[in-house]
Amino acid sequence: MKNITVSVDEETYRLSRIKAAEAGTSLSALVRAYLVDLVQGRVPESRFDRLRRLQDETIAAIHARGGGLRAADNFSRSALHERDAPS
């Protein structure tokens, strides 16, 4: 088994020790369990990862419905600038 060193600020360390004690385990055991879950894909996704996944799903849904931005969908210059003349 390999040892690792992690640096955290005093308050994070103090609160982490409290959480570990509340869970009836050691801080090392909590970190070990987290790392095992991480490599086995059992750690909940981060907020960034969730937003990226939702973005990818939304774009895929738009493409699946045949949507998206294509040059053929653009108005011509004359159609874009057509205006009703004031009476």
Protein backbone atom coordinates (compact mmCIF):
# COMPACT_ATOMS: atom_id res chain seq x y z
CA MET A 1 0.00 0.00 0.00
CA LYS A 2 1.33 3.45 -0.92
CA ASN A 3 1.30 6.50 1.34
CA ILE A 4 0.37 9.93 0.03
CA THR A 5 0.69 13.40 1.51
CA VAL A 6 -2.08 15.96 1.12
CA SER A 7 -1.87 19.58 2.25
CA VAL A 8 -5.00 21.40 3.42
CA ASP A 9 -5.60 24.51 5.47
CA GLU A 10 -6.10 24.23 9.23
CA GLU A 11 -9.88 24.70 9.16
CA THR A 12 -10.39 22.05 6.47
CA TYR A 13 -8.23 19.66 8.45
CA ARG A 14 -10.13 20.34 11.69
CA LEU A 15 -13.56 19.94 10.08
CA SER A 16 -12.44 16.81 8.24
CA ARG A 17 -11.29 15.22 11.48
CA ILE A 18 -14.68 16.03 13.03
CA LYS A 19 -16.51 14.45 10.05
CA ALA A 20 -14.34 11.35 10.30
CA ALA A 21 -15.00 11.06 14.05
CA GLU A 22 -18.75 11.44 13.44
CA ALA A 23 -18.52 8.62 10.90
CA GLY A 24 -16.57 6.49 13.39
CA THR A 25 -13.51 6.27 11.18
CA SER A 26 -10.19 7.97 10.54
CA LEU A 27 -9.42 10.77 8.15
CA SER A 28 -7.11 8.42 6.23
CA ALA A 29 -9.93 5.90 5.86
CA LEU A 30 -12.26 8.62 4.51
CA VAL A 31 -9.68 9.74 1.94
CA ARG A 32 -8.93 6.12 0.99
CA ALA A 33 -12.64 5.35 0.51
CA TYR A 34 -13.09 8.49 -1.58
CA LEU A 35 -10.17 7.61 -3.85
CA VAL A 36 -11.40 4.03 -4.29
CA ASP A 37 -14.88 5.32 -5.19
CA LEU A 38 -13.33 7.88 -7.55
CA VAL A 39 -11.38 5.34 -9.58
CA GLN A 40 -14.36 2.98 -9.67
CA GLY A 41 -16.67 5.71 -11.00
CA ARG A 42 -18.83 5.95 -7.90
CA VAL A 43 -18.11 9.57 -7.00
CA PRO A 44 -20.98 11.94 -7.84
CA GLU A 45 -20.21 14.17 -10.80
CA SER A 46 -19.07 17.71 -10.11
CA ARG A 47 -21.30 20.68 -10.89
CA PHE A 48 -19.10 21.48 -13.90
CA ASP A 49 -19.31 17.89 -15.19
CA ARG A 50 -23.09 17.89 -14.72
CA LEU A 51 -23.49 21.13 -16.67
CA ARG A 52 -21.18 19.88 -19.43
CA ARG A 53 -23.18 16.63 -19.66
CA LEU A 54 -26.48 18.55 -19.82
CA GLN A 55 -25.06 20.81 -22.53
CA ASP A 56 -23.93 17.81 -24.57
CA GLU A 57 -27.34 16.13 -24.16
CA THR A 58 -29.14 19.32 -25.23
CA ILE A 59 -26.99 19.74 -28.33
CA ALA A 60 -27.48 16.07 -29.23
CA ALA A 61 -31.27 16.45 -28.85
CA ILE A 62 -31.26 19.51 -31.13
CA HIS A 63 -29.28 17.64 -33.78
CA ALA A 64 -31.53 14.56 -33.43
CA ARG A 65 -34.56 16.73 -34.29
CA GLY A 66 -32.76 18.03 -37.35
CA GLY A 67 -32.10 21.40 -35.78
CA GLY A 68 -28.97 23.39 -35.67
CA LEU A 69 -27.43 26.28 -37.51
CA ARG A 70 -26.91 25.79 -41.23
CA ALA A 71 -26.07 28.39 -43.86
CA ALA A 72 -29.11 27.26 -45.86
CA ASP A 73 -31.36 28.35 -42.98
CA ASN A 74 -30.19 31.97 -43.16
CA PHE A 75 -32.26 34.73 -44.74
CA SER A 76 -30.92 36.26 -47.91
CA ARG A 77 -29.61 39.80 -47.64
CA SER A 78 -32.60 41.21 -49.52
CA ALA A 79 -35.12 39.25 -47.42
CA LEU A 80 -33.38 40.34 -44.26
CA HIS A 81 -33.63 44.03 -45.17
CA GLU A 82 -37.17 44.01 -46.59
CA ARG A 83 -39.37 46.40 -44.67
CA ASP A 84 -42.89 47.56 -45.03
CA ALA A 85 -42.88 51.10 -46.39
CA PRO A 86 -44.57 53.60 -44.08
CA SER A 87 -47.86 54.86 -45.42
